């Protein structure tokens, strides 16, 4: 489920390119389906790009959050050592 956005996005972009090529072929022949292919090409390209960008943004935020948590853990361990009585949860 993690990579489904990237796979779907790349598939939509590839399909968009194919529809654009078909649009060019049918546009030269003055077929009415050319406009439909142009619309599908543009919509598919935009949706595919949005999916890929969304996944990249999610990965960036997850990486940033992980780095912040590691920094917090490191700082906490520096301030309160493992034998610090302020961090003891044992019987008082």
N, C-alpha and C. Protein backbone atom coordinates (compact mmCIF):
# COMPACT_ATOMS: atom_id res chain seq x y z
N UNK A 1 0.82 -1.19 0.00
CA UNK A 1 0.00 0.00 0.00
C UNK A 1 0.87 1.26 0.00
N UNK A 2 2.13 1.12 0.42
CA UNK A 2 2.99 2.28 0.50
C UNK A 2 3.32 2.86 -0.87
N UNK A 3 3.52 2.01 -1.85
CA UNK A 3 3.98 2.48 -3.15
C UNK A 3 2.85 2.61 -4.17
N UNK A 4 1.61 2.47 -3.76
CA UNK A 4 0.51 2.48 -4.71
C UNK A 4 0.34 3.85 -5.35
N UNK A 5 0.61 4.93 -4.61
CA UNK A 5 0.48 6.27 -5.17
C UNK A 5 1.49 6.49 -6.29
N UNK A 6 2.71 6.05 -6.07
CA UNK A 6 3.76 6.23 -7.08
C UNK A 6 3.46 5.41 -8.33
N UNK A 7 3.07 4.16 -8.13
CA UNK A 7 2.76 3.29 -9.26
C UNK A 7 1.58 3.82 -10.06
N UNK A 8 0.52 4.22 -9.36
CA UNK A 8 -0.66 4.76 -10.04
C UNK A 8 -0.32 6.07 -10.75
N UNK A 9 0.48 6.91 -10.12
CA UNK A 9 0.86 8.18 -10.73
C UNK A 9 1.66 8.00 -12.00
N UNK A 10 2.64 7.11 -11.95
CA UNK A 10 3.46 6.86 -13.14
C UNK A 10 2.62 6.22 -14.24
N UNK A 11 1.70 5.33 -13.87
CA UNK A 11 0.82 4.71 -14.87
C UNK A 11 -0.07 5.75 -15.53
N UNK A 12 -0.60 6.68 -14.75
CA UNK A 12 -1.44 7.74 -15.33
C UNK A 12 -0.65 8.66 -16.25
N UNK A 13 0.58 8.94 -15.88
CA UNK A 13 1.42 9.79 -16.74
C UNK A 13 1.74 9.08 -18.05
N UNK A 14 2.05 7.79 -17.98
CA UNK A 14 2.34 7.02 -19.20
C UNK A 14 1.09 6.94 -20.09
N UNK A 15 -0.05 6.70 -19.48
CA UNK A 15 -1.31 6.65 -20.24
C UNK A 15 -1.61 8.01 -20.86
N UNK A 16 -1.30 9.06 -20.15
CA UNK A 16 -1.51 10.41 -20.65
C UNK A 16 -0.66 10.67 -21.90
N UNK A 17 0.58 10.21 -21.88
CA UNK A 17 1.44 10.38 -23.05
C UNK A 17 0.90 9.62 -24.26
N UNK A 18 0.42 8.40 -24.01
CA UNK A 18 -0.15 7.61 -25.10
C UNK A 18 -1.39 8.29 -25.68
N UNK A 19 -2.27 8.81 -24.81
CA UNK A 19 -3.45 9.52 -25.29
C UNK A 19 -3.08 10.77 -26.07
N UNK A 20 -2.00 11.44 -25.66
CA UNK A 20 -1.58 12.63 -26.40
C UNK A 20 -1.09 12.26 -27.79
N UNK A 21 -0.36 11.15 -27.90
CA UNK A 21 0.10 10.70 -29.22
C UNK A 21 -1.10 10.34 -30.10
N UNK A 22 -2.07 9.64 -29.51
CA UNK A 22 -3.28 9.31 -30.28
C UNK A 22 -4.05 10.56 -30.66
N UNK A 23 -4.08 11.56 -29.78
CA UNK A 23 -4.72 12.83 -30.10
C UNK A 23 -4.08 13.45 -31.34
N UNK A 24 -2.73 13.46 -31.37
CA UNK A 24 -2.05 14.04 -32.53
C UNK A 24 -2.36 13.28 -33.81
N UNK A 25 -2.44 11.96 -33.72
CA UNK A 25 -2.74 11.14 -34.91
C UNK A 25 -4.16 11.44 -35.41
N UNK A 26 -5.13 11.44 -34.50
CA UNK A 26 -6.52 11.65 -34.91
C UNK A 26 -6.82 13.11 -35.25
N UNK A 27 -6.05 14.03 -34.68
CA UNK A 27 -6.27 15.45 -34.97
C UNK A 27 -5.91 15.75 -36.42
N UNK A 28 -4.85 15.10 -36.92
CA UNK A 28 -4.46 15.30 -38.32
C UNK A 28 -5.51 14.73 -39.27
N UNK A 29 -6.22 13.70 -38.82
CA UNK A 29 -7.26 13.09 -39.65
C UNK A 29 -8.62 13.73 -39.43
N UNK A 30 -8.70 14.73 -38.58
CA UNK A 30 -9.94 15.46 -38.25
C UNK A 30 -11.04 14.53 -37.74
N UNK A 31 -10.69 13.67 -36.82
CA UNK A 31 -11.68 12.79 -36.20
C UNK A 31 -12.22 13.46 -34.94
N UNK A 32 -13.47 13.17 -34.63
CA UNK A 32 -14.10 13.80 -33.47
C UNK A 32 -13.58 13.25 -32.14
N UNK A 33 -12.97 12.09 -32.17
CA UNK A 33 -12.45 11.50 -30.93
C UNK A 33 -11.19 12.22 -30.45
N UNK A 34 -10.61 13.04 -31.28
CA UNK A 34 -9.36 13.73 -30.94
C UNK A 34 -9.54 14.62 -29.71
N UNK A 35 -10.66 15.33 -29.63
CA UNK A 35 -10.89 16.21 -28.48
C UNK A 35 -11.01 15.40 -27.19
N UNK A 36 -11.68 14.28 -27.26
CA UNK A 36 -11.83 13.43 -26.08
C UNK A 36 -10.47 12.91 -25.61
N UNK A 37 -9.63 12.51 -26.54
CA UNK A 37 -8.30 12.03 -26.18
C UNK A 37 -7.46 13.15 -25.57
N UNK A 38 -7.62 14.37 -26.08
CA UNK A 38 -6.88 15.50 -25.52
C UNK A 38 -7.30 15.76 -24.08
N UNK A 39 -8.59 15.67 -23.80
CA UNK A 39 -9.09 15.89 -22.45
C UNK A 39 -8.57 14.80 -21.51
N UNK A 40 -8.67 13.54 -21.93
CA UNK A 40 -8.18 12.44 -21.10
C UNK A 40 -6.67 12.55 -20.88
N UNK A 41 -5.96 12.99 -21.90
CA UNK A 41 -4.52 13.15 -21.77
C UNK A 41 -4.17 14.20 -20.72
N UNK A 42 -4.83 15.33 -20.77
CA UNK A 42 -4.50 16.39 -19.82
C UNK A 42 -4.93 16.02 -18.40
N UNK A 43 -6.12 15.45 -18.25
CA UNK A 43 -6.59 15.07 -16.91
C UNK A 43 -5.72 13.97 -16.31
N UNK A 44 -5.38 12.97 -17.10
CA UNK A 44 -4.53 11.88 -16.61
C UNK A 44 -3.15 12.37 -16.23
N UNK A 45 -2.60 13.28 -17.01
CA UNK A 45 -1.28 13.81 -16.69
C UNK A 45 -1.27 14.61 -15.41
N UNK A 46 -2.29 15.43 -15.23
CA UNK A 46 -2.37 16.24 -14.01
C UNK A 46 -2.58 15.34 -12.79
N UNK A 47 -3.48 14.38 -12.88
CA UNK A 47 -3.73 13.47 -11.75
C UNK A 47 -2.50 12.64 -11.41
N UNK A 48 -1.82 12.15 -12.42
CA UNK A 48 -0.60 11.37 -12.18
C UNK A 48 0.48 12.20 -11.51
N UNK A 49 0.65 13.42 -11.98
CA UNK A 49 1.66 14.29 -11.37
C UNK A 49 1.30 14.61 -9.92
N UNK A 50 0.03 14.85 -9.66
CA UNK A 50 -0.40 15.14 -8.29
C UNK A 50 -0.17 13.94 -7.36
N UNK A 51 -0.44 12.74 -7.85
CA UNK A 51 -0.20 11.55 -7.03
C UNK A 51 1.28 11.38 -6.69
N UNK A 52 2.13 11.54 -7.68
CA UNK A 52 3.56 11.39 -7.44
C UNK A 52 4.07 12.47 -6.49
N UNK A 53 3.66 13.72 -6.71
CA UNK A 53 4.09 14.81 -5.84
C UNK A 53 3.57 14.63 -4.42
N UNK A 54 2.34 14.14 -4.29
CA UNK A 54 1.77 13.90 -2.97
C UNK A 54 2.58 12.86 -2.20
N UNK A 55 2.96 11.80 -2.87
CA UNK A 55 3.75 10.76 -2.21
C UNK A 55 5.14 11.27 -1.83
N UNK A 56 5.76 12.07 -2.71
CA UNK A 56 7.07 12.62 -2.38
C UNK A 56 6.98 13.57 -1.19
N UNK A 57 5.90 14.34 -1.12
CA UNK A 57 5.72 15.25 0.00
C UNK A 57 5.51 14.47 1.30
N UNK A 58 4.72 13.39 1.24
CA UNK A 58 4.50 12.56 2.43
C UNK A 58 5.81 11.95 2.92
N UNK A 59 6.63 11.48 2.01
CA UNK A 59 7.91 10.88 2.39
C UNK A 59 8.83 11.92 3.01
N UNK A 60 8.80 13.14 2.47
CA UNK A 60 9.64 14.21 3.02
C UNK A 60 9.22 14.53 4.45
N UNK A 61 7.91 14.63 4.71
CA UNK A 61 7.44 14.95 6.05
C UNK A 61 7.72 13.81 7.03
N UNK A 62 7.58 12.56 6.57
CA UNK A 62 7.89 11.43 7.45
C UNK A 62 9.37 11.41 7.82
N UNK A 63 10.22 11.71 6.86
CA UNK A 63 11.65 11.74 7.12
C UNK A 63 11.98 12.86 8.10
N UNK A 64 11.37 14.02 7.92
CA UNK A 64 11.61 15.15 8.82
C UNK A 64 11.15 14.82 10.23
N UNK A 65 9.98 14.20 10.35
CA UNK A 65 9.45 13.84 11.67
C UNK A 65 10.36 12.82 12.35
N UNK A 66 10.84 11.83 11.61
CA UNK A 66 11.76 10.85 12.18
C UNK A 66 13.04 11.51 12.68
N UNK A 67 13.57 12.46 11.92
CA UNK A 67 14.79 13.16 12.34
C UNK A 67 14.54 13.97 13.61
N UNK A 68 13.38 14.62 13.69
CA UNK A 68 13.05 15.40 14.89
C UNK A 68 12.94 14.49 16.11
N UNK A 69 12.30 13.34 15.95
CA UNK A 69 12.16 12.42 17.07
C UNK A 69 13.50 11.87 17.53
N UNK A 70 14.39 11.57 16.59
CA UNK A 70 15.72 11.08 16.96
C UNK A 70 16.51 12.16 17.69
N UNK A 71 16.39 13.41 17.23
CA UNK A 71 17.06 14.51 17.90
C UNK A 71 16.53 14.70 19.31
N UNK A 72 15.21 14.60 19.48
CA UNK A 72 14.61 14.73 20.79
C UNK A 72 15.09 13.63 21.73
N UNK A 73 15.11 12.40 21.23
CA UNK A 73 15.59 11.28 22.06
C UNK A 73 17.03 11.48 22.49
N UNK A 74 17.87 11.93 21.55
CA UNK A 74 19.28 12.14 21.86
C UNK A 74 19.44 13.26 22.90
N UNK A 75 18.70 14.36 22.72
CA UNK A 75 18.78 15.46 23.69
C UNK A 75 18.27 15.05 25.05
N UNK A 76 17.21 14.26 25.08
CA UNK A 76 16.64 13.81 26.35
C UNK A 76 17.64 12.93 27.10
N UNK A 77 18.31 12.05 26.38
CA UNK A 77 19.30 11.17 27.01
C UNK A 77 20.51 11.95 27.50
N UNK A 78 20.86 13.06 26.82
CA UNK A 78 21.98 13.87 27.27
C UNK A 78 21.63 14.62 28.55
N UNK A 79 20.40 15.12 28.63
CA UNK A 79 19.99 15.88 29.82
C UNK A 79 19.76 14.96 31.00
N UNK A 80 18.99 13.92 30.79
CA UNK A 80 18.66 12.96 31.85
C UNK A 80 19.34 11.64 31.51
N UNK A 81 20.34 11.31 32.23
CA UNK A 81 21.05 10.06 31.99
C UNK A 81 20.18 8.87 32.39
N UNK A 82 20.63 7.66 32.10
CA UNK A 82 19.84 6.48 32.44
C UNK A 82 19.71 6.25 33.95
N UNK A 83 20.62 6.81 34.74
CA UNK A 83 20.58 6.62 36.20
C UNK A 83 20.06 7.85 36.93
N UNK A 84 19.47 8.77 36.23
CA UNK A 84 18.98 10.01 36.84
C UNK A 84 17.74 9.72 37.69
N UNK A 85 17.74 10.15 38.97
CA UNK A 85 16.58 9.87 39.82
C UNK A 85 15.32 10.62 39.38
N UNK A 86 15.48 11.72 38.63
CA UNK A 86 14.29 12.46 38.16
C UNK A 86 13.51 11.65 37.15
N UNK A 87 14.14 10.69 36.49
CA UNK A 87 13.48 9.88 35.49
C UNK A 87 13.10 8.50 36.02
N UNK A 88 13.30 8.29 37.29
CA UNK A 88 13.01 6.98 37.86
C UNK A 88 11.52 6.82 38.08
N UNK A 89 10.99 5.73 37.61
CA UNK A 89 9.58 5.43 37.78
C UNK A 89 9.37 4.28 38.76
N UNK A 90 10.41 3.99 39.47
CA UNK A 90 10.34 2.89 40.43
C UNK A 90 9.62 3.32 41.70
N UNK A 91 9.58 2.44 42.68
CA UNK A 91 8.94 2.76 43.96
C UNK A 91 9.73 3.87 44.67
N UNK A 92 9.00 4.84 45.17
CA UNK A 92 9.65 5.96 45.84
C UNK A 92 9.79 5.74 47.32
